Amino acid sequence: MDISRRGFIKITGAGAACLGLSELGLDLGPARAVAAELKIEGAKEVVSICHFCSCGCNIIMSVKDGRMVAAEGDPDFPVSEGALCAKGAAFRSMHYNEHRLQKPLYRAPGSDRWEEKEWDFVLDRIARRIKDTRDRDFIVQNGKGEQVNRVESIFELGASQLDNEECALTHQMVTGLGIVHMDHQARV
């Protein structure tokens, strides 16, 4: 955001004025309640679980016409007591965002532009690169002659969009390939 010093002072002054009005007895609670009700009017509340980390905090989702319109923390959940971390608070925008990619993008070696590709092309290319790297760099024994059966040139990074079961399957897959270097983004 590009903001001048004068613009910053104006915004700060307006914020202080609003805060001052609320301290002078002007109750903003009803206005906030009406604004929240308008957003979720006619929506069904569904309690779900945030899968971004192992805490598994409850999220109350407001669903209208089969689409999530709002998400908030569950005040009855003992771990978070209604609060959500940054990942949980962004739950809705990660699923409904106009900037979210809908198709795989591929940039050929040496190219300066991205192009849309079909999933079959991308998955075949990933599988081929993993197989070639594994075949080239597979280590059967370490320097002491102990059998290790591993690949040290591939790293796997799990995504916080995966639930626990998907993470378990991913872990089993990469360890089955002999990959020993792995981490998970939800931990970061």
C-alpha atoms as a PDB file:
ATOM      1  CA  MET A   1       0.000   0.000   0.000  1.00  0.00           C
ATOM      2  CA  ASP A   2       1.427   3.361  -1.018  1.00  0.00           C
ATOM      3  CA  ILE A   3       0.382   5.973   1.515  1.00  0.00           C
ATOM      4  CA  SER A   4       1.767   9.456   2.115  1.00  0.00           C
ATOM      5  CA  ARG A   5       2.555  10.896   5.518  1.00  0.00           C
ATOM      6  CA  ARG A   6      -0.405  13.277   5.164  1.00  0.00           C
ATOM      7  CA  GLY A   7      -2.716  10.356   4.259  1.00  0.00           C
ATOM      8  CA  PHE A   8      -1.473   8.386   7.268  1.00  0.00           C
ATOM      9  CA  ILE A   9      -2.214  11.316   9.588  1.00  0.00           C
ATOM     10  CA  LYS A  10      -5.729  11.686   8.105  1.00  0.00           C
ATOM     11  CA  ILE A  11      -6.486   7.985   8.582  1.00  0.00           C
ATOM     12  CA  THR A  12      -5.100   8.062  12.118  1.00  0.00           C
ATOM     13  CA  GLY A  13      -7.193  11.137  12.941  1.00  0.00           C
ATOM     14  CA  ALA A  14     -10.362   9.569  11.556  1.00  0.00           C
ATOM     15  CA  GLY A  15      -9.711   6.404  13.567  1.00  0.00           C
ATOM     16  CA  ALA A  16      -9.133   8.398  16.744  1.00  0.00           C
ATOM     17  CA  ALA A  17     -12.350  10.368  16.128  1.00  0.00           C
ATOM     18  CA  CYS A  18     -14.360   7.153  15.708  1.00  0.00           C
ATOM     19  CA  LEU A  19     -12.794   5.723  18.841  1.00  0.00           C
ATOM     20  CA  GLY A  20     -13.602   8.935  20.667  1.00  0.00           C
ATOM     21  CA  LEU A  21     -17.249   8.781  19.567  1.00  0.00           C
ATOM     22  CA  SER A  22     -17.553   5.256  20.862  1.00  0.00           C
ATOM     23  CA  GLU A  23     -16.093   6.364  24.195  1.00  0.00           C
ATOM     24  CA  LEU A  24     -18.562   9.248  24.456  1.00  0.00           C
ATOM     25  CA  GLY A  25     -21.416   6.828  24.919  1.00  0.00           C
ATOM     26  CA  LEU A  26     -22.233   6.110  21.297  1.00  0.00           C
ATOM     27  CA  ASP A  27     -22.828   2.350  21.313  1.00  0.00           C
ATOM     28  CA  LEU A  28     -21.536   0.778  18.083  1.00  0.00           C
ATOM     29  CA  GLY A  29     -22.600  -2.743  19.153  1.00  0.00           C
ATOM     30  CA  PRO A  30     -26.035  -2.692  17.487  1.00  0.00           C
ATOM     31  CA  ALA A  31     -24.542  -1.399  14.215  1.00  0.00           C
ATOM     32  CA  ARG A  32     -21.972  -4.217  14.246  1.00  0.00           C
ATOM     33  CA  ALA A  33     -24.684  -6.782  14.995  1.00  0.00           C
ATOM     34  CA  VAL A  34     -26.891  -5.561  12.132  1.00  0.00           C
ATOM     35  CA  ALA A  35     -23.938  -5.627   9.728  1.00  0.00           C
ATOM     36  CA  ALA A  36     -23.096  -9.198  10.758  1.00  0.00           C
ATOM     37  CA  GLU A  37     -26.736 -10.283  10.452  1.00  0.00           C
ATOM     38  CA  LEU A  38     -27.038  -8.864   6.927  1.00  0.00           C
ATOM     39  CA  LYS A  39     -24.049 -10.919   5.819  1.00  0.00           C
ATOM     40  CA  ILE A  40     -25.393 -14.219   7.172  1.00  0.00           C
ATOM     41  CA  GLU A  41     -29.147 -13.614   6.925  1.00  0.00           C
ATOM     42  CA  GLY A  42     -30.864 -16.813   5.770  1.00  0.00           C
ATOM     43  CA  ALA A  43     -27.663 -18.856   6.082  1.00  0.00           C
ATOM     44  CA  LYS A  44     -27.408 -22.205   7.850  1.00  0.00           C
ATOM     45  CA  GLU A  45     -24.768 -22.563  10.564  1.00  0.00           C
ATOM     46  CA  VAL A  46     -22.516 -25.590  10.193  1.00  0.00           C
ATOM     47  CA  VAL A  47     -19.803 -26.465  12.708  1.00  0.00           C
ATOM     48  CA  SER A  48     -16.674 -27.832  11.076  1.00  0.00           C
ATOM     49  CA  ILE A  49     -13.040 -28.350  11.988  1.00  0.00           C
ATOM     50  CA  CYS A  50     -10.104 -26.244  10.857  1.00  0.00           C
ATOM     51  CA  HIS A  51      -7.567 -28.637   9.409  1.00  0.00           C
ATOM     52  CA  PHE A  52      -4.605 -26.285   9.159  1.00  0.00           C
ATOM     53  CA  CYS A  53      -2.836 -27.749  12.206  1.00  0.00           C
ATOM     54  CA  SER A  54      -3.198 -30.448  14.809  1.00  0.00           C
ATOM     55  CA  CYS A  55      -5.272 -28.240  17.169  1.00  0.00           C
ATOM     56  CA  GLY A  56      -8.390 -28.923  15.094  1.00  0.00           C
ATOM     57  CA  CYS A  57     -10.254 -25.814  16.242  1.00  0.00           C
ATOM     58  CA  ASN A  58     -13.975 -25.648  15.566  1.00  0.00           C
ATOM     59  CA  ILE A  59     -15.100 -23.199  12.907  1.00  0.00           C
ATOM     60  CA  ILE A  60     -18.700 -22.049  12.624  1.00  0.00           C
ATOM     61  CA  MET A  61     -19.466 -21.665   8.939  1.00  0.00           C
ATOM     62  CA  SER A  62     -22.485 -19.838   7.584  1.00  0.00           C
ATOM     63  CA  VAL A  63     -23.660 -21.564   4.401  1.00  0.00           C
ATOM     64  CA  LYS A  64     -26.143 -19.982   2.011  1.00  0.00           C
ATOM     65  CA  ASP A  65     -27.223 -21.603  -1.271  1.00  0.00           C
ATOM     66  CA  GLY A  66     -24.521 -24.264  -0.908  1.00  0.00           C
ATOM     67  CA  ARG A  67     -21.732 -21.687  -0.574  1.00  0.00           C
ATOM     68  CA  MET A  68     -19.843 -20.621   2.530  1.00  0.00           C
ATOM     69  CA  VAL A  69     -20.524 -16.909   3.149  1.00  0.00           C
ATOM     70  CA  ALA A  70     -18.760 -16.503   6.494  1.00  0.00           C
ATOM     71  CA  ALA A  71     -16.539 -18.399   8.921  1.00  0.00           C
ATOM     72  CA  GLU A  72     -15.760 -17.620  12.547  1.00  0.00           C
ATOM     73  CA  GLY A  73     -14.294 -19.335  15.573  1.00  0.00           C
ATOM     74  CA  ASP A  74     -16.467 -21.369  17.925  1.00  0.00           C
ATOM     75  CA  PRO A  75     -16.582 -19.696  21.369  1.00  0.00           C
ATOM     76  CA  ASP A  76     -17.481 -23.074  22.957  1.00  0.00           C
ATOM     77  CA  PHE A  77     -14.302 -24.765  21.692  1.00  0.00           C
ATOM     78  CA  PRO A  78     -11.941 -25.075  24.697  1.00  0.00           C
ATOM     79  CA  VAL A  79      -8.620 -24.663  22.854  1.00  0.00           C
ATOM     80  CA  SER A  80      -9.260 -21.451  20.921  1.00  0.00           C
ATOM     81  CA  GLU A  81     -12.313 -20.124  22.796  1.00  0.00           C
ATOM     82  CA  GLY A  82     -13.654 -18.567  19.591  1.00  0.00           C
ATOM     83  CA  ALA A  83     -10.383 -17.129  18.333  1.00  0.00           C
ATOM     84  CA  LEU A  84      -8.772 -18.277  15.090  1.00  0.00           C
ATOM     85  CA  CYS A  85      -5.157 -18.077  13.996  1.00  0.00           C
ATOM     86  CA  ALA A  86      -4.282 -16.291  10.740  1.00  0.00           C
ATOM     87  CA  LYS A  87      -4.756 -19.493   8.720  1.00  0.00           C
ATOM     88  CA  GLY A  88      -8.142 -20.241  10.289  1.00  0.00           C
ATOM     89  CA  ALA A  89      -9.285 -16.641   9.879  1.00  0.00           C
ATOM     90  CA  ALA A  90      -8.423 -16.848   6.156  1.00  0.00           C
ATOM     91  CA  PHE A  91     -10.372 -20.122   5.782  1.00  0.00           C
ATOM     92  CA  ARG A  92     -13.112 -18.651   3.577  1.00  0.00           C
ATOM     93  CA  SER A  93     -10.824 -16.543   1.387  1.00  0.00           C
ATOM     94  CA  MET A  94      -8.621 -19.559   0.643  1.00  0.00           C
ATOM     95  CA  HIS A  95     -11.621 -21.299  -0.905  1.00  0.00           C
ATOM     96  CA  TYR A  96     -13.359 -18.342  -2.544  1.00  0.00           C
ATOM     97  CA  ASN A  97     -10.801 -15.911  -3.857  1.00  0.00           C
ATOM     98  CA  GLU A  98     -10.778 -14.422  -7.342  1.00  0.00           C
ATOM     99  CA  HIS A  99      -6.964 -14.686  -7.356  1.00  0.00           C
ATOM    100  CA  ARG A 100      -6.968 -18.425  -6.601  1.00  0.00           C
ATOM    101  CA  LEU A 101      -5.542 -20.500  -9.435  1.00  0.00           C
ATOM    102  CA  GLN A 102      -8.030 -22.875 -11.029  1.00  0.00           C
ATOM    103  CA  LYS A 103      -5.709 -24.631 -13.501  1.00  0.00           C
ATOM    104  CA  PRO A 104      -2.066 -25.717 -13.335  1.00  0.00           C
ATOM    105  CA  LEU A 105       0.460 -23.255 -14.696  1.00  0.00           C
ATOM    106  CA  TYR A 106       3.685 -24.413 -16.350  1.00  0.00           C
ATOM    107  CA  ARG A 107       6.771 -22.435 -17.269  1.00  0.00           C
ATOM    108  CA  ALA A 108       9.061 -24.271 -19.651  1.00  0.00           C
ATOM    109  CA  PRO A 109      12.814 -24.194 -18.960  1.00  0.00           C
ATOM    110  CA  GLY A 110      14.243 -20.929 -20.290  1.00  0.00           C
ATOM    111  CA  SER A 111      10.810 -19.409 -20.852  1.00  0.00           C
ATOM    112  CA  ASP A 112       9.704 -16.105 -19.368  1.00  0.00           C
ATOM    113  CA  ARG A 113       5.963 -16.830 -19.368  1.00  0.00           C
ATOM    114  CA  TRP A 114       3.535 -19.184 -17.660  1.00  0.00           C
ATOM    115  CA  GLU A 115       1.007 -21.192 -19.678  1.00  0.00           C
ATOM    116  CA  GLU A 116      -2.056 -23.158 -18.605  1.00  0.00           C
ATOM    117  CA  LYS A 117      -1.726 -26.936 -18.931  1.00  0.00           C
ATOM    118  CA  GLU A 118      -4.019 -29.871 -18.333  1.00  0.00           C
ATOM    119  CA  TRP A 119      -3.678 -31.917 -15.135  1.00  0.00           C
ATOM    120  CA  ASP A 120      -2.593 -35.025 -17.069  1.00  0.00           C
ATOM    121  CA  PHE A 121       0.411 -33.168 -18.511  1.00  0.00           C
ATOM    122  CA  VAL A 122       1.449 -31.759 -15.123  1.00  0.00           C
ATOM    123  CA  LEU A 123       1.001 -34.990 -13.141  1.00  0.00           C
ATOM    124  CA  ASP A 124       2.833 -37.062 -15.777  1.00  0.00           C
ATOM    125  CA  ARG A 125       5.713 -34.561 -15.755  1.00  0.00           C
ATOM    126  CA  ILE A 126       5.950 -34.578 -11.940  1.00  0.00           C
ATOM    127  CA  ALA A 127       5.851 -38.394 -11.839  1.00  0.00           C
ATOM    128  CA  ARG A 128       8.564 -38.656 -14.513  1.00  0.00           C
ATOM    129  CA  ARG A 129      10.838 -36.156 -12.730  1.00  0.00           C
ATOM    130  CA  ILE A 130      10.421 -37.954  -9.378  1.00  0.00           C
ATOM    131  CA  LYS A 131      11.115 -41.362 -10.965  1.00  0.00           C
ATOM    132  CA  ASP A 132      14.185 -40.124 -12.863  1.00  0.00           C
ATOM    133  CA  THR A 133      15.597 -38.402  -9.767  1.00  0.00           C
ATOM    134  CA  ARG A 134      14.927 -41.422  -7.564  1.00  0.00           C
ATOM    135  CA  ASP A 135      16.526 -43.820 -10.066  1.00  0.00           C
ATOM    136  CA  ARG A 136      19.590 -41.574 -10.392  1.00  0.00           C
ATOM    137  CA  ASP A 137      20.120 -40.752  -6.688  1.00  0.00           C
ATOM    138  CA  PHE A 138      18.813 -43.802  -4.793  1.00  0.00           C
ATOM    139  CA  ILE A 139      21.184 -44.786  -1.945  1.00  0.00           C
ATOM    140  CA  VAL A 140      21.093 -48.459  -0.975  1.00  0.00           C
ATOM    141  CA  GLN A 141      23.895 -48.374   1.642  1.00  0.00           C
ATOM    142  CA  ASN A 142      25.510 -45.620   3.642  1.00  0.00           C
ATOM    143  CA  GLY A 143      29.261 -45.181   4.183  1.00  0.00           C
ATOM    144  CA  LYS A 144      29.269 -47.789   6.990  1.00  0.00           C
ATOM    145  CA  GLY A 145      27.721 -50.435   4.738  1.00  0.00           C
ATOM    146  CA  GLU A 146      24.327 -50.268   6.485  1.00  0.00           C
ATOM    147  CA  GLN A 147      21.258 -50.663   4.303  1.00  0.00           C
ATOM    148  CA  VAL A 148      19.361 -47.339   4.212  1.00  0.00           C
ATOM    149  CA  ASN A 149      17.288 -47.359   0.963  1.00  0.00           C
ATOM    150  CA  ARG A 150      16.747 -43.623   0.699  1.00  0.00           C
ATOM    151  CA  VAL A 151      16.770 -40.611  -1.613  1.00  0.00           C
ATOM    152  CA  GLU A 152      18.301 -37.411  -0.255  1.00  0.00           C
ATOM    153  CA  SER A 153      17.869 -35.211  -3.345  1.00  0.00           C
ATOM    154  CA  ILE A 154      14.070 -34.833  -3.115  1.00  0.00           C
ATOM    155  CA  PHE A 155      12.273 -32.722  -0.505  1.00  0.00           C
ATOM    156  CA  GLU A 156       8.550 -32.950   0.210  1.00  0.00           C
ATOM    157  CA  LEU A 157       6.633 -30.033   1.734  1.00  0.00           C
ATOM    158  CA  GLY A 158       3.078 -30.765   2.878  1.00  0.00           C
ATOM    159  CA  ALA A 159       0.362 -28.164   2.477  1.00  0.00           C
ATOM    160  CA  SER A 160      -1.899 -26.821   5.196  1.00  0.00           C
ATOM    161  CA  GLN A 161      -4.885 -27.397   2.904  1.00  0.00           C
ATOM    162  CA  LEU A 162      -4.489 -31.154   3.465  1.00  0.00           C
ATOM    163  CA  ASP A 163      -6.410 -32.800   6.278  1.00  0.00           C
ATOM    164  CA  ASN A 164      -4.792 -35.291   8.687  1.00  0.00           C
ATOM    165  CA  GLU A 165      -5.691 -38.343   6.591  1.00  0.00           C
ATOM    166  CA  GLU A 166      -4.270 -36.797   3.414  1.00  0.00           C
ATOM    167  CA  CYS A 167      -1.087 -35.892   5.311  1.00  0.00           C
ATOM    168  CA  ALA A 168      -0.778 -39.490   6.543  1.00  0.00           C
ATOM    169  CA  LEU A 169      -1.152 -40.817   2.986  1.00  0.00           C
ATOM    170  CA  THR A 170       1.383 -38.299   1.673  1.00  0.00           C
ATOM    171  CA  HIS A 171       3.842 -39.311   4.417  1.00  0.00           C
ATOM    172  CA  GLN A 172       3.402 -42.999   3.580  1.00  0.00           C
ATOM    173  CA  MET A 173       3.906 -42.297  -0.122  1.00  0.00           C
ATOM    174  CA  VAL A 174       7.118 -40.294   0.262  1.00  0.00           C
ATOM    175  CA  THR A 175       8.633 -42.678   2.813  1.00  0.00           C
ATOM    176  CA  GLY A 176       7.713 -45.547   0.480  1.00  0.00           C
ATOM    177  CA  LEU A 177       9.724 -43.790  -2.230  1.00  0.00           C
ATOM    178  CA  GLY A 178      12.655 -43.509   0.201  1.00  0.00           C
ATOM    179  CA  ILE A 179      12.391 -39.730   0.611  1.00  0.00           C
ATOM    180  CA  VAL A 180      13.758 -38.711   4.007  1.00  0.00           C
ATOM    181  CA  HIS A 181      13.631 -34.902   3.804  1.00  0.00           C
ATOM    182  CA  MET A 182      10.094 -33.667   4.489  1.00  0.00           C
ATOM    183  CA  ASP A 183       8.264 -30.975   6.414  1.00  0.00           C
ATOM    184  CA  HIS A 184       4.784 -29.533   6.671  1.00  0.00           C
ATOM    185  CA  GLN A 185       3.699 -25.945   6.071  1.00  0.00           C
ATOM    186  CA  ALA A 186       1.120 -25.953   8.873  1.00  0.00           C
ATOM    187  CA  ARG A 187       3.975 -26.243  11.355  1.00  0.00           C
ATOM    188  CA  VAL A 188       5.757 -23.188   9.977  1.00  0.00           C
END
